[in-house]
Amino acid sequence: MGLVLAYVLILPAVILLGWIASWWGTRRMRWIGLSVAAAASVVCAVIGQDAMGPRTDPHTLGCASALECTDLRPAFVIASGLLGFVVCLALVVLTLVAEFVVSVRRKVPARPGL
């Protein structure tokens, strides 16, 4: 179970680390990075969906249940893509708030005596 969780969390972790690193770059780099990460997440979900393949009958493959006959690796790719997309949405909101706060702080003049 731990390996499965690690596999699903790779893309969201890379997105988060890239977003953190982007704060040392330009504003444009941060938004392009978030856009590319969101697109990559959607592509992962679509590729995982396409890789699922048609449903099979457990009796024709000699499996006791449908779960034993199912290859869950595409489901992990789909989960990783969906989780990555959710992380991108959260980071977009966080970026908007952070950039707003920074822009407001730059516009407020420092008060003398403080």
PDB file of N, CA and C in Angstrom:
ATOM      1  N   MET A   1       0.816  -1.194   0.000  1.00  0.00           N
ATOM      2  CA  MET A   1       0.000   0.000   0.000  1.00  0.00           C
ATOM      3  C   MET A   1       0.864   1.266   0.000  1.00  0.00           C
ATOM      4  N   GLY A   2       2.008   1.218   0.675  1.00  0.00           N
ATOM      5  CA  GLY A   2       2.892   2.373   0.740  1.00  0.00           C
ATOM      6  C   GLY A   2       3.470   2.720  -0.615  1.00  0.00           C
ATOM      7  N   LEU A   3       3.799   1.694  -1.414  1.00  0.00           N
ATOM      8  CA  LEU A   3       4.335   1.935  -2.749  1.00  0.00           C
ATOM      9  C   LEU A   3       3.277   2.546  -3.655  1.00  0.00           C
ATOM     10  N   VAL A   4       2.051   2.106  -3.499  1.00  0.00           N
ATOM     11  CA  VAL A   4       0.953   2.655  -4.292  1.00  0.00           C
ATOM     12  C   VAL A   4       0.760   4.134  -3.953  1.00  0.00           C
ATOM     13  N   LEU A   5       0.781   4.457  -2.673  1.00  0.00           N
ATOM     14  CA  LEU A   5       0.625   5.840  -2.247  1.00  0.00           C
ATOM     15  C   LEU A   5       1.775   6.700  -2.765  1.00  0.00           C
ATOM     16  N   ALA A   6       2.970   6.180  -2.735  1.00  0.00           N
ATOM     17  CA  ALA A   6       4.125   6.919  -3.260  1.00  0.00           C
ATOM     18  C   ALA A   6       3.977   7.143  -4.757  1.00  0.00           C
ATOM     19  N   TYR A   7       3.492   6.151  -5.474  1.00  0.00           N
ATOM     20  CA  TYR A   7       3.309   6.270  -6.924  1.00  0.00           C
ATOM     21  C   TYR A   7       2.284   7.352  -7.260  1.00  0.00           C
ATOM     22  N   VAL A   8       1.227   7.416  -6.486  1.00  0.00           N
ATOM     23  CA  VAL A   8       0.165   8.399  -6.734  1.00  0.00           C
ATOM     24  C   VAL A   8       0.629   9.801  -6.355  1.00  0.00           C
ATOM     25  N   LEU A   9       1.515   9.933  -5.389  1.00  0.00           N
ATOM     26  CA  LEU A   9       1.921  11.243  -4.898  1.00  0.00           C
ATOM     27  C   LEU A   9       3.121  11.840  -5.636  1.00  0.00           C
ATOM     28  N   ILE A  10       3.701  11.135  -6.597  1.00  0.00           N
ATOM     29  CA  ILE A  10       4.881  11.651  -7.298  1.00  0.00           C
ATOM     30  C   ILE A  10       4.549  12.937  -8.050  1.00  0.00           C
ATOM     31  N   LEU A  11       3.543  12.929  -8.889  1.00  0.00           N
ATOM     32  CA  LEU A  11       3.194  14.111  -9.683  1.00  0.00           C
ATOM     33  C   LEU A  11       2.805  15.297  -8.802  1.00  0.00           C
ATOM     34  N   PRO A  12       1.925  15.140  -7.804  1.00  0.00           N
ATOM     35  CA  PRO A  12       1.617  16.290  -6.948  1.00  0.00           C
ATOM     36  C   PRO A  12       2.841  16.832  -6.198  1.00  0.00           C
ATOM     37  N   ALA A  13       3.740  15.950  -5.785  1.00  0.00           N
ATOM     38  CA  ALA A  13       4.950  16.406  -5.087  1.00  0.00           C
ATOM     39  C   ALA A  13       5.854  17.203  -6.020  1.00  0.00           C
ATOM     40  N   VAL A  14       5.997  16.744  -7.256  1.00  0.00           N
ATOM     41  CA  VAL A  14       6.809  17.483  -8.231  1.00  0.00           C
ATOM     42  C   VAL A  14       6.182  18.846  -8.524  1.00  0.00           C
ATOM     43  N   ILE A  15       4.865  18.889  -8.629  1.00  0.00           N
ATOM     44  CA  ILE A  15       4.167  20.158  -8.862  1.00  0.00           C
ATOM     45  C   ILE A  15       4.422  21.118  -7.705  1.00  0.00           C
ATOM     46  N   LEU A  16       4.301  20.637  -6.489  1.00  0.00           N
ATOM     47  CA  LEU A  16       4.505  21.482  -5.316  1.00  0.00           C
ATOM     48  C   LEU A  16       5.942  21.980  -5.238  1.00  0.00           C
ATOM     49  N   LEU A  17       6.910  21.107  -5.458  1.00  0.00           N
ATOM     50  CA  LEU A  17       8.320  21.523  -5.420  1.00  0.00           C
ATOM     51  C   LEU A  17       8.638  22.524  -6.526  1.00  0.00           C
ATOM     52  N   GLY A  18       8.077  22.314  -7.706  1.00  0.00           N
ATOM     53  CA  GLY A  18       8.273  23.261  -8.797  1.00  0.00           C
ATOM     54  C   GLY A  18       7.663  24.619  -8.485  1.00  0.00           C
ATOM     55  N   TRP A  19       6.506  24.610  -7.845  1.00  0.00           N
ATOM     56  CA  TRP A  19       5.850  25.863  -7.480  1.00  0.00           C
ATOM     57  C   TRP A  19       6.673  26.620  -6.440  1.00  0.00           C
ATOM     58  N   ILE A  20       7.194  25.902  -5.460  1.00  0.00           N
ATOM     59  CA  ILE A  20       8.032  26.540  -4.443  1.00  0.00           C
ATOM     60  C   ILE A  20       9.282  27.136  -5.092  1.00  0.00           C
ATOM     61  N   ALA A  21       9.906  26.390  -5.986  1.00  0.00           N
ATOM     62  CA  ALA A  21      11.104  26.882  -6.667  1.00  0.00           C
ATOM     63  C   ALA A  21      10.790  28.070  -7.574  1.00  0.00           C
ATOM     64  N   SER A  22       9.575  28.143  -8.088  1.00  0.00           N
ATOM     65  CA  SER A  22       9.225  29.224  -9.006  1.00  0.00           C
ATOM     66  C   SER A  22       9.158  30.579  -8.313  1.00  0.00           C
ATOM     67  N   TRP A  23       9.075  30.618  -6.996  1.00  0.00           N
ATOM     68  CA  TRP A  23       9.018  31.893  -6.282  1.00  0.00           C
ATOM     69  C   TRP A  23      10.356  32.618  -6.331  1.00  0.00           C
ATOM     70  N   TRP A  24      11.416  31.929  -6.692  1.00  0.00           N
ATOM     71  CA  TRP A  24      12.708  32.581  -6.871  1.00  0.00           C
ATOM     72  C   TRP A  24      12.870  33.084  -8.306  1.00  0.00           C
ATOM     73  N   GLY A  25      11.911  32.796  -9.151  1.00  0.00           N
ATOM     74  CA  GLY A  25      11.934  33.242 -10.540  1.00  0.00           C
ATOM     75  C   GLY A  25      10.965  34.385 -10.758  1.00  0.00           C
ATOM     76  N   THR A  26      10.620  34.568 -11.994  1.00  0.00           N
ATOM     77  CA  THR A  26       9.701  35.650 -12.341  1.00  0.00           C
ATOM     78  C   THR A  26       8.260  35.210 -12.138  1.00  0.00           C
ATOM     79  N   ARG A  27       7.384  36.199 -12.137  1.00  0.00           N
ATOM     80  CA  ARG A  27       5.948  35.925 -12.003  1.00  0.00           C
ATOM     81  C   ARG A  27       5.456  35.101 -13.185  1.00  0.00           C
ATOM     82  N   ARG A  28       5.943  35.427 -14.360  1.00  0.00           N
ATOM     83  CA  ARG A  28       5.546  34.705 -15.571  1.00  0.00           C
ATOM     84  C   ARG A  28       5.933  33.222 -15.473  1.00  0.00           C
ATOM     85  N   MET A  29       7.126  32.954 -14.943  1.00  0.00           N
ATOM     86  CA  MET A  29       7.574  31.561 -14.802  1.00  0.00           C
ATOM     87  C   MET A  29       6.643  30.778 -13.882  1.00  0.00           C
ATOM     88  N   ARG A  30       6.182  31.430 -12.824  1.00  0.00           N
ATOM     89  CA  ARG A  30       5.283  30.763 -11.876  1.00  0.00           C
ATOM     90  C   ARG A  30       3.969  30.377 -12.550  1.00  0.00           C
ATOM     91  N   TRP A  31       3.395  31.276 -13.330  1.00  0.00           N
ATOM     92  CA  TRP A  31       2.112  30.997 -13.973  1.00  0.00           C
ATOM     93  C   TRP A  31       2.259  30.006 -15.118  1.00  0.00           C
ATOM     94  N   ILE A  32       3.345  30.080 -15.856  1.00  0.00           N
ATOM     95  CA  ILE A  32       3.584  29.090 -16.913  1.00  0.00           C
ATOM     96  C   ILE A  32       3.782  27.715 -16.292  1.00  0.00           C
ATOM     97  N   GLY A  33       4.520  27.654 -15.191  1.00  0.00           N
ATOM     98  CA  GLY A  33       4.726  26.375 -14.504  1.00  0.00           C
ATOM     99  C   GLY A  33       3.427  25.760 -14.017  1.00  0.00           C
ATOM    100  N   LEU A  34       2.545  26.582 -13.450  1.00  0.00           N
ATOM    101  CA  LEU A  34       1.251  26.069 -12.996  1.00  0.00           C
ATOM    102  C   LEU A  34       0.396  25.606 -14.175  1.00  0.00           C
ATOM    103  N   SER A  35       0.472  26.329 -15.283  1.00  0.00           N
ATOM    104  CA  SER A  35      -0.296  25.930 -16.462  1.00  0.00           C
ATOM    105  C   SER A  35       0.199  24.605 -17.028  1.00  0.00           C
ATOM    106  N   VAL A  36       1.503  24.457 -17.106  1.00  0.00           N
ATOM    107  CA  VAL A  36       2.083  23.205 -17.612  1.00  0.00           C
ATOM    108  C   VAL A  36       1.756  22.047 -16.663  1.00  0.00           C
ATOM    109  N   ALA A  37       1.812  22.296 -15.366  1.00  0.00           N
ATOM    110  CA  ALA A  37       1.502  21.249 -14.391  1.00  0.00           C
ATOM    111  C   ALA A  37       0.040  20.818 -14.485  1.00  0.00           C
ATOM    112  N   ALA A  38      -0.860  21.774 -14.675  1.00  0.00           N
ATOM    113  CA  ALA A  38      -2.273  21.422 -14.820  1.00  0.00           C
ATOM    114  C   ALA A  38      -2.503  20.624 -16.100  1.00  0.00           C
ATOM    115  N   ALA A  39      -1.841  21.028 -17.180  1.00  0.00           N
ATOM    116  CA  ALA A  39      -1.973  20.284 -18.437  1.00  0.00           C
ATOM    117  C   ALA A  39      -1.408  18.874 -18.296  1.00  0.00           C
ATOM    118  N   ALA A  40      -0.272  18.730 -17.621  1.00  0.00           N
ATOM    119  CA  ALA A  40       0.318  17.408 -17.410  1.00  0.00           C
ATOM    120  C   ALA A  40      -0.594  16.527 -16.562  1.00  0.00           C
ATOM    121  N   SER A  41      -1.261  17.110 -15.591  1.00  0.00           N
ATOM    122  CA  SER A  41      -2.191  16.347 -14.755  1.00  0.00           C
ATOM    123  C   SER A  41      -3.370  15.840 -15.567  1.00  0.00           C
ATOM    124  N   VAL A  42      -3.905  16.695 -16.427  1.00  0.00           N
ATOM    125  CA  VAL A  42      -5.026  16.281 -17.271  1.00  0.00           C
ATOM    126  C   VAL A  42      -4.573  15.190 -18.245  1.00  0.00           C
ATOM    127  N   VAL A  43      -3.388  15.334 -18.806  1.00  0.00           N
ATOM    128  CA  VAL A  43      -2.862  14.321 -19.725  1.00  0.00           C
ATOM    129  C   VAL A  43      -2.691  12.984 -19.006  1.00  0.00           C
ATOM    130  N   CYS A  44      -2.202  13.006 -17.765  1.00  0.00           N
ATOM    131  CA  CYS A  44      -2.070  11.758 -16.993  1.00  0.00           C
ATOM    132  C   CYS A  44      -3.427  11.093 -16.791  1.00  0.00           C
ATOM    133  N   ALA A  45      -4.423  11.881 -16.449  1.00  0.00           N
ATOM    134  CA  ALA A  45      -5.757  11.311 -16.239  1.00  0.00           C
ATOM    135  C   ALA A  45      -6.313  10.729 -17.533  1.00  0.00           C
ATOM    136  N   VAL A  46      -6.102  11.411 -18.649  1.00  0.00           N
ATOM    137  CA  VAL A  46      -6.608  10.916 -19.937  1.00  0.00           C
ATOM    138  C   VAL A  46      -5.856   9.661 -20.370  1.00  0.00           C
ATOM    139  N   ILE A  47      -4.540   9.650 -20.216  1.00  0.00           N
ATOM    140  CA  ILE A  47      -3.745   8.464 -20.582  1.00  0.00           C
ATOM    141  C   ILE A  47      -4.151   7.276 -19.715  1.00  0.00           C
ATOM    142  N   GLY A  48      -4.348   7.509 -18.433  1.00  0.00           N
ATOM    143  CA  GLY A  48      -4.780   6.426 -17.552  1.00  0.00           C
ATOM    144  C   GLY A  48      -6.147   5.893 -17.933  1.00  0.00           C
ATOM    145  N   GLN A  49      -7.033   6.786 -18.321  1.00  0.00           N
ATOM    146  CA  GLN A  49      -8.372   6.364 -18.745  1.00  0.00           C
ATOM    147  C   GLN A  49      -8.295   5.526 -20.020  1.00  0.00           C
ATOM    148  N   ASP A  50      -7.463   5.948 -20.959  1.00  0.00           N
ATOM    149  CA  ASP A  50      -7.317   5.191 -22.205  1.00  0.00           C
ATOM    150  C   ASP A  50      -6.650   3.841 -21.977  1.00  0.00           C
ATOM    151  N   ALA A  51      -5.769   3.751 -20.989  1.00  0.00           N
ATOM    152  CA  ALA A  51      -5.053   2.509 -20.729  1.00  0.00           C
ATOM    153  C   ALA A  51      -5.899   1.482 -19.983  1.00  0.00           C
ATOM    154  N   MET A  52      -7.032   1.895 -19.458  1.00  0.00           N
ATOM    155  CA  MET A  52      -7.881   0.967 -18.703  1.00  0.00           C
ATOM    156  C   MET A  52      -8.344  -0.194 -19.574  1.00  0.00           C
ATOM    157  N   GLY A  53      -8.651   0.067 -20.807  1.00  0.00           N
ATOM    158  CA  GLY A  53      -9.068  -0.999 -21.709  1.00  0.00           C
ATOM    159  C   GLY A  53     -10.490  -1.444 -21.446  1.00  0.00           C
ATOM    160  N   PRO A  54     -10.947  -2.406 -22.225  1.00  0.00           N
ATOM    161  CA  PRO A  54     -12.322  -2.884 -22.056  1.00  0.00           C
ATOM    162  C   PRO A  54     -12.455  -3.773 -20.824  1.00  0.00           C
ATOM    163  N   ARG A  55     -13.649  -3.862 -20.325  1.00  0.00           N
ATOM    164  CA  ARG A  55     -13.920  -4.747 -19.188  1.00  0.00           C
ATOM    165  C   ARG A  55     -13.837  -6.205 -19.634  1.00  0.00           C
ATOM    166  N   THR A  56     -13.353  -7.032 -18.746  1.00  0.00           N
ATOM    167  CA  THR A  56     -13.254  -8.455 -19.058  1.00  0.00           C
ATOM    168  C   THR A  56     -14.121  -9.251 -18.090  1.00  0.00           C
ATOM    169  N   ASP A  57     -14.531 -10.408 -18.543  1.00  0.00           N
ATOM    170  CA  ASP A  57     -15.325 -11.305 -17.718  1.00  0.00           C
ATOM    171  C   ASP A  57     -14.370 -12.153 -16.887  1.00  0.00           C
ATOM    172  N   PRO A  58     -14.515 -12.171 -15.572  1.00  0.00           N
ATOM    173  CA  PRO A  58     -13.591 -12.946 -14.738  1.00  0.00           C
ATOM    174  C   PRO A  58     -13.596 -14.443 -15.060  1.00  0.00           C
ATOM    175  N   HIS A  59     -14.705 -14.956 -15.539  1.00  0.00           N
ATOM    176  CA  HIS A  59     -14.788 -16.387 -15.802  1.00  0.00           C
ATOM    177  C   HIS A  59     -13.961 -16.786 -17.020  1.00  0.00           C
ATOM    178  N   THR A  60     -13.821 -15.892 -17.988  1.00  0.00           N
ATOM    179  CA  THR A  60     -13.029 -16.237 -19.180  1.00  0.00           C
ATOM    180  C   THR A  60     -11.534 -16.231 -18.885  1.00  0.00           C
ATOM    181  N   LEU A  61     -11.098 -15.465 -17.889  1.00  0.00           N
ATOM    182  CA  LEU A  61      -9.672 -15.402 -17.548  1.00  0.00           C
ATOM    183  C   LEU A  61      -9.302 -16.356 -16.421  1.00  0.00           C
ATOM    184  N   GLY A  62     -10.272 -16.968 -15.804  1.00  0.00           N
ATOM    185  CA  GLY A  62     -10.004 -17.912 -14.728  1.00  0.00           C
ATOM    186  C   GLY A  62      -9.744 -17.251 -13.392  1.00  0.00           C
ATOM    187  N   CYS A  63     -10.272 -16.060 -13.183  1.00  0.00           N
ATOM    188  CA  CYS A  63     -10.100 -15.347 -11.922  1.00  0.00           C
ATOM    189  C   CYS A  63     -11.309 -15.581 -11.039  1.00  0.00           C
ATOM    190  N   ALA A  64     -11.101 -15.527  -9.734  1.00  0.00           N
ATOM    191  CA  ALA A  64     -12.209 -15.717  -8.809  1.00  0.00           C
ATOM    192  C   ALA A  64     -13.109 -14.479  -8.758  1.00  0.00           C
ATOM    193  N   SER A  65     -12.509 -13.302  -8.881  1.00  0.00           N
ATOM    194  CA  SER A  65     -13.312 -12.075  -8.850  1.00  0.00           C
ATOM    195  C   SER A  65     -12.783 -11.105  -9.896  1.00  0.00           C
ATOM    196  N   ALA A  66     -13.596 -10.115 -10.196  1.00  0.00           N
ATOM    197  CA  ALA A  66     -13.192  -9.125 -11.197  1.00  0.00           C
ATOM    198  C   ALA A  66     -11.998  -8.312 -10.722  1.00  0.00           C
ATOM    199  N   LEU A  67     -11.852  -8.122  -9.412  1.00  0.00           N
ATOM    200  CA  LEU A  67     -10.737  -7.339  -8.882  1.00  0.00           C
ATOM    201  C   LEU A  67      -9.409  -8.056  -9.104  1.00  0.00           C
ATOM    202  N   GLU A  68      -9.403  -9.377  -9.031  1.00  0.00           N
ATOM    203  CA  GLU A  68      -8.172 -10.128  -9.272  1.00  0.00           C
ATOM    204  C   GLU A  68      -7.727 -10.031 -10.726  1.00  0.00           C
ATOM    205  N   CYS A  69      -8.654  -9.840 -11.624  1.00  0.00           N
ATOM    206  CA  CYS A  69      -8.346  -9.759 -13.053  1.00  0.00           C
ATOM    207  C   CYS A  69      -8.002  -8.353 -13.505  1.00  0.00           C
ATOM    208  N   THR A  70      -8.170  -7.376 -12.631  1.00  0.00           N
ATOM    209  CA  THR A  70      -8.002  -5.987 -13.024  1.00  0.00           C
ATOM    210  C   THR A  70      -6.574  -5.519 -12.787  1.00  0.00           C
ATOM    211  N   ASP A  71      -6.020  -4.861 -13.793  1.00  0.00           N
ATOM    212  CA  ASP A  71      -4.719  -4.216 -13.653  1.00  0.00           C
ATOM    213  C   ASP A  71      -4.976  -2.806 -13.147  1.00  0.00           C
ATOM    214  N   LEU A  72      -4.540  -2.518 -11.927  1.00  0.00           N
ATOM    215  CA  LEU A  72      -4.861  -1.241 -11.303  1.00  0.00           C
ATOM    216  C   LEU A  72      -3.854  -0.136 -11.613  1.00  0.00           C
ATOM    217  N   ARG A  73      -2.782  -0.428 -12.347  1.00  0.00           N
ATOM    218  CA  ARG A  73      -1.803   0.616 -12.644  1.00  0.00           C
ATOM    219  C   ARG A  73      -2.404   1.811 -13.369  1.00  0.00           C
ATOM    220  N   PRO A  74      -3.287   1.634 -14.366  1.00  0.00           N
ATOM    221  CA  PRO A  74      -3.907   2.821 -14.971  1.00  0.00           C
ATOM    222  C   PRO A  74      -4.751   3.624 -13.980  1.00  0.00           C
ATOM    223  N   ALA A  75      -5.353   2.948 -13.011  1.00  0.00           N
ATOM    224  CA  ALA A  75      -6.137   3.669 -12.003  1.00  0.00           C
ATOM    225  C   ALA A  75      -5.234   4.546 -11.149  1.00  0.00           C
ATOM    226  N   PHE A  76      -4.011   4.100 -10.893  1.00  0.00           N
ATOM    227  CA  PHE A  76      -3.068   4.909 -10.130  1.00  0.00           C
ATOM    228  C   PHE A  76      -2.629   6.133 -10.931  1.00  0.00           C
ATOM    229  N   VAL A  77      -2.490   5.986 -12.236  1.00  0.00           N
ATOM    230  CA  VAL A  77      -2.139   7.123 -13.097  1.00  0.00           C
ATOM    231  C   VAL A  77      -3.282   8.129 -13.105  1.00  0.00           C
ATOM    232  N   ILE A  78      -4.511   7.630 -13.186  1.00  0.00           N
ATOM    233  CA  ILE A  78      -5.678   8.524 -13.138  1.00  0.00           C
ATOM    234  C   ILE A  78      -5.725   9.257 -11.798  1.00  0.00           C
ATOM    235  N   ALA A  79      -5.524   8.530 -10.706  1.00  0.00           N
ATOM    236  CA  ALA A  79      -5.552   9.150  -9.372  1.00  0.00           C
ATOM    237  C   ALA A  79      -4.453  10.190  -9.232  1.00  0.00           C
ATOM    238  N   SER A  80      -3.287   9.902  -9.757  1.00  0.00           N
ATOM    239  CA  SER A  80      -2.181  10.859  -9.705  1.00  0.00           C
ATOM    240  C   SER A  80      -2.509  12.114 -10.503  1.00  0.00           C
ATOM    241  N   GLY A  81      -3.088  11.942 -11.683  1.00  0.00           N
ATOM    242  CA  GLY A  81      -3.470  13.091 -12.496  1.00  0.00           C
ATOM    243  C   GLY A  81      -4.538  13.940 -11.837  1.00  0.00           C
ATOM    244  N   LEU A  82      -5.538  13.295 -11.260  1.00  0.00           N
ATOM    245  CA  LEU A  82      -6.616  14.046 -10.597  1.00  0.00           C
ATOM    246  C   LEU A  82      -6.101  14.771  -9.358  1.00  0.00           C
ATOM    247  N   LEU A  83      -5.265  14.090  -8.574  1.00  0.00           N
ATOM    248  CA  LEU A  83      -4.692  14.728  -7.390  1.00  0.00           C
ATOM    249  C   LEU A  83      -3.768  15.878  -7.788  1.00  0.00           C
ATOM    250  N   GLY A  84      -3.009  15.688  -8.861  1.00  0.00           N
ATOM    251  CA  GLY A  84      -2.152  16.762  -9.356  1.00  0.00           C
ATOM    252  C   GLY A  84      -2.961  17.967  -9.797  1.00  0.00           C
ATOM    253  N   PHE A  85      -4.096  17.732 -10.428  1.00  0.00           N
ATOM    254  CA  PHE A  85      -4.954  18.832 -10.861  1.00  0.00           C
ATOM    255  C   PHE A  85      -5.534  19.581  -9.660  1.00  0.00           C
ATOM    256  N   VAL A  86      -5.935  18.850  -8.632  1.00  0.00           N
ATOM    257  CA  VAL A  86      -6.451  19.487  -7.416  1.00  0.00           C
ATOM    258  C   VAL A  86      -5.356  20.325  -6.752  1.00  0.00           C
ATOM    259  N   VAL A  87      -4.131  19.797  -6.728  1.00  0.00           N
ATOM    260  CA  VAL A  87      -3.008  20.552  -6.165  1.00  0.00           C
ATOM    261  C   VAL A  87      -2.783  21.823  -6.981  1.00  0.00           C
ATOM    262  N   CYS A  88      -2.868  21.729  -8.302  1.00  0.00           N
ATOM    263  CA  CYS A  88      -2.712  22.917  -9.157  1.00  0.00           C
ATOM    264  C   CYS A  88      -3.772  23.961  -8.849  1.00  0.00           C
ATOM    265  N   LEU A  89      -5.009  23.539  -8.689  1.00  0.00           N
ATOM    266  CA  LEU A  89      -6.076  24.490  -8.366  1.00  0.00           C
ATOM    267  C   LEU A  89      -5.821  25.176  -7.023  1.00  0.00           C
ATOM    268  N   ALA A  90      -5.399  24.400  -6.036  1.00  0.00           N
ATOM    269  CA  ALA A  90      -5.104  24.983  -4.725  1.00  0.00           C
ATOM    270  C   ALA A  90      -3.934  25.965  -4.822  1.00  0.00           C
ATOM    271  N   LEU A  91      -2.918  25.626  -5.601  1.00  0.00           N
ATOM    272  CA  LEU A  91      -1.768  26.512  -5.746  1.00  0.00           C
ATOM    273  C   LEU A  91      -2.119  27.770  -6.531  1.00  0.00           C
ATOM    274  N   VAL A  92      -3.052  27.682  -7.465  1.00  0.00           N
ATOM    275  CA  VAL A  92      -3.500  28.882  -8.190  1.00  0.00           C
ATOM    276  C   VAL A  92      -4.157  29.849  -7.209  1.00  0.00           C
ATOM    277  N   VAL A  93      -5.029  29.341  -6.352  1.00  0.00           N
ATOM    278  CA  VAL A  93      -5.687  30.198  -5.363  1.00  0.00           C
ATOM    279  C   VAL A  93      -4.649  30.790  -4.413  1.00  0.00           C
ATOM    280  N   LEU A  94      -3.725  29.966  -3.938  1.00  0.00           N
ATOM    281  CA  LEU A  94      -2.683  30.440  -3.033  1.00  0.00           C
ATOM    282  C   LEU A  94      -1.784  31.474  -3.705  1.00  0.00           C
ATOM    283  N   THR A  95      -1.474  31.281  -4.969  1.00  0.00           N
ATOM    284  CA  THR A  95      -0.651  32.235  -5.707  1.00  0.00           C
ATOM    285  C   THR A  95      -1.372  33.559  -5.884  1.00  0.00           C
ATOM    286  N   LEU A  96      -2.650  33.508  -6.222  1.00  0.00           N
ATOM    287  CA  LEU A  96      -3.425  34.745  -6.367  1.00  0.00           C
ATOM    288  C   LEU A  96      -3.447  35.533  -5.061  1.00  0.00           C
ATOM    289  N   VAL A  97      -3.678  34.855  -3.949  1.00  0.00           N
ATOM    290  CA  VAL A  97      -3.716  35.530  -2.648  1.00  0.00           C
ATOM    291  C   VAL A  97      -2.341  36.099  -2.310  1.00  0.00           C
ATOM    292  N   ALA A  98      -1.284  35.315  -2.503  1.00  0.00           N
ATOM    293  CA  ALA A  98       0.065  35.775  -2.172  1.00  0.00           C
ATOM    294  C   ALA A  98       0.473  36.959  -3.032  1.00  0.00           C
ATOM    295  N   GLU A  99       0.179  36.908  -4.311  1.00  0.00           N
ATOM    296  CA  GLU A  99       0.537  38.028  -5.182  1.00  0.00           C
ATOM    297  C   GLU A  99      -0.284  39.275  -4.852  1.00  0.00           C
ATOM    298  N   PHE A 100      -1.517  39.103  -4.439  1.00  0.00           N
ATOM    299  CA  PHE A 100      -2.328  40.244  -4.024  1.00  0.00           C
ATOM    300  C   PHE A 100      -1.735  40.893  -2.768  1.00  0.00           C
ATOM    301  N   VAL A 101      -1.368  40.061  -1.796  1.00  0.00           N
ATOM    302  CA  VAL A 101      -0.791  40.587  -0.555  1.00  0.00           C
ATOM    303  C   VAL A 101       0.518  41.315  -0.839  1.00  0.00           C
ATOM    304  N   VAL A 102       1.350  40.751  -1.684  1.00  0.00           N
ATOM    305  CA  VAL A 102       2.623  41.387  -2.023  1.00  0.00           C
ATOM    306  C   VAL A 102       2.383  42.712  -2.744  1.00  0.00           C
ATOM    307  N   SER A 103       1.427  42.748  -3.656  1.00  0.00           N
ATOM    308  CA  SER A 103       1.169  43.998  -4.381  1.00  0.00           C
ATOM    309  C   SER A 103       0.597  45.073  -3.465  1.00  0.00           C
ATOM    310  N   VAL A 104      -0.238  44.694  -2.494  1.00  0.00           N
ATOM    311  CA  VAL A 104      -0.788  45.668  -1.549  1.00  0.00           C
ATOM    312  C   VAL A 104       0.315  46.203  -0.643  1.00  0.00           C
ATOM    313  N   ARG A 105       1.211  45.342  -0.199  1.00  0.00           N
ATOM    314  CA  ARG A 105       2.305  45.777   0.677  1.00  0.00           C
ATOM    315  C   ARG A 105       3.253  46.734  -0.034  1.00  0.00           C
ATOM    316  N   ARG A 106       3.432  46.531  -1.335  1.00  0.00           N
ATOM    317  CA  ARG A 106       4.327  47.418  -2.080  1.00  0.00           C
ATOM    318  C   ARG A 106       3.712  48.800  -2.270  1.00  0.00           C
ATOM    319  N   LYS A 107       2.391  48.882  -2.311  1.00  0.00           N
ATOM    320  CA  LYS A 107       1.706  50.155  -2.556  1.00  0.00           C
ATOM    321  C   LYS A 107       1.544  50.979  -1.275  1.00  0.00           C
ATOM    322  N   VAL A 108       1.553  50.342  -0.115  1.00  0.00           N
ATOM    323  CA  VAL A 108       1.366  51.057   1.137  1.00  0.00           C
ATOM    324  C   VAL A 108       2.703  51.676   1.548  1.00  0.00           C
ATOM    325  N   PRO A 109       2.766  52.993   1.685  1.00  0.00           N
ATOM    326  CA  PRO A 109       4.027  53.620   2.112  1.00  0.00           C
ATOM    327  C   PRO A 109       4.294  53.325   3.578  1.00  0.00           C
ATOM    328  N   ALA A 110       5.565  53.268   3.918  1.00  0.00           N
ATOM    329  CA  ALA A 110       5.952  53.019   5.295  1.00  0.00           C
ATOM    330  C   ALA A 110       5.628  54.247   6.132  1.00  0.00           C
ATOM    331  N   ARG A 111       5.074  54.028   7.320  1.00  0.00           N
ATOM    332  CA  ARG A 111       4.735  55.143   8.201  1.00  0.00           C
ATOM    333  C   ARG A 111       5.984  55.559   8.981  1.00  0.00           C
ATOM    334  N   PRO A 112       6.210  56.858   9.094  1.00  0.00           N
ATOM    335  CA  PRO A 112       7.381  57.308   9.840  1.00  0.00           C
ATOM    336  C   PRO A 112       7.226  57.012  11.334  1.00  0.00           C
ATOM    337  N   GLY A 113       8.316  56.709  11.956  1.00  0.00           N
ATOM    338  CA  GLY A 113       8.303  56.446  13.393  1.00  0.00           C
ATOM    339  C   GLY A 113       8.069  54.988  13.739  1.00  0.00           C
ATOM    340  N   LEU A 114       7.862  54.136  12.747  1.00  0.00           N
ATOM    341  CA  LEU A 114       7.655  52.703  13.044  1.00  0.00           C
ATOM    342  C   LEU A 114       8.776  51.889  12.550  1.00  0.00           C
TER     343      LEU A 114
END
